[in-house]
Amino acid sequence: MIRYNKMWDLLKERKISQYKLINCFGLSRGQLDRLKKNENVTLHTIDVLCNILECNPEDILTHTKDGNNHF
C-alpha cells in the first residue's frame, strides 16, 4: 500500500494549504481526496506534487506491504 502521510507533513511544514494546491497549482479536489484516502493517483500527480514541494517521491510517499500478492 502507498501512503501519503509524509506529503501532508511536508505541506504543513512548508505552509502550503489544500486551498493553495487547488487554486494556485491546479490540483483537483478529487486528486486531494484520493491522496487523503491513500488511493491510486497517477505518476503525473506525483510529479506535480514533487515540483510544487521541490522534493523527490520518497519525500512524500511510503510503501508498506499489504499482504496481497497480485503477480
Protein backbone atom coordinates (compact mmCIF):
# COMPACT_ATOMS: atom_id res chain seq x y z
CA MET A 1 0.00 0.00 0.00
CA ILE A 2 1.16 3.51 -0.78
CA ARG A 3 0.67 6.10 1.96
CA TYR A 4 0.96 9.86 1.56
CA ASN A 5 1.38 10.85 5.23
CA LYS A 6 4.81 12.32 4.53
CA MET A 7 3.28 14.60 1.90
CA TRP A 8 0.78 16.08 4.37
CA ASP A 9 3.57 16.67 6.87
CA LEU A 10 5.70 18.37 4.21
CA LEU A 11 2.79 20.56 3.10
CA LYS A 12 2.22 21.64 6.69
CA GLU A 13 5.93 22.32 7.18
CA ARG A 14 6.05 24.44 4.02
CA LYS A 15 2.75 26.18 4.89
CA ILE A 16 1.03 25.11 1.68
CA SER A 17 -2.71 24.67 2.17
CA GLN A 18 -5.11 22.47 0.26
CA TYR A 19 -6.76 25.69 -0.91
CA LYS A 20 -3.46 26.79 -2.45
CA LEU A 21 -2.92 23.38 -4.09
CA ILE A 22 -6.32 23.68 -5.76
CA ASN A 23 -6.42 27.38 -6.62
CA CYS A 24 -2.78 28.20 -7.29
CA PHE A 25 -1.34 24.93 -8.53
CA GLY A 26 -4.38 23.40 -10.27
CA LEU A 27 -4.77 20.14 -8.37
CA SER A 28 -8.34 18.93 -8.28
CA ARG A 29 -10.38 18.22 -5.19
CA GLY A 30 -10.68 14.65 -6.46
CA GLN A 31 -6.90 14.22 -6.53
CA LEU A 32 -6.61 15.55 -2.99
CA ASP A 33 -9.42 13.28 -1.86
CA ARG A 34 -7.63 10.24 -3.33
CA LEU A 35 -4.40 11.28 -1.62
CA LYS A 36 -6.21 11.67 1.72
CA LYS A 37 -7.61 8.15 1.36
CA ASN A 38 -4.24 6.72 0.21
CA GLU A 39 -5.87 5.70 -3.07
CA ASN A 40 -4.30 5.46 -6.51
CA VAL A 41 -3.08 8.63 -8.20
CA THR A 42 -1.18 8.97 -11.43
CA LEU A 43 2.56 9.42 -11.69
CA HIS A 44 1.76 12.78 -13.24
CA THR A 45 0.14 13.84 -9.95
CA ILE A 46 3.20 12.66 -8.02
CA ASP A 47 5.41 14.59 -10.45
CA VAL A 48 3.32 17.76 -10.00
CA LEU A 49 3.50 17.45 -6.21
CA CYS A 50 7.27 16.89 -6.31
CA ASN A 51 7.65 20.02 -8.44
CA ILE A 52 5.45 22.07 -6.09
CA LEU A 53 7.27 20.83 -2.99
CA GLU A 54 10.70 20.69 -4.67
CA CYS A 55 11.26 17.17 -3.43
CA ASN A 56 11.56 13.55 -4.56
CA PRO A 57 8.79 10.92 -4.48
CA GLU A 58 10.29 9.24 -1.41
CA ASP A 59 9.83 12.53 0.43
CA ILE A 60 6.04 12.40 0.01
CA LEU A 61 5.09 8.73 -0.05
CA THR A 62 5.90 5.43 1.61
CA HIS A 63 5.21 1.86 0.59
CA THR A 64 4.09 -0.77 3.07
CA LYS A 65 3.30 -4.40 2.35
CA ASP A 66 -0.41 -5.06 2.44
CA GLY A 67 -0.28 -8.84 2.23
CA ASN A 68 -1.90 -9.04 -1.21
CA ASN A 69 0.34 -10.63 -3.80
CA HIS A 70 -1.14 -9.84 -7.22
CA PHE A 71 1.55 -11.13 -9.52
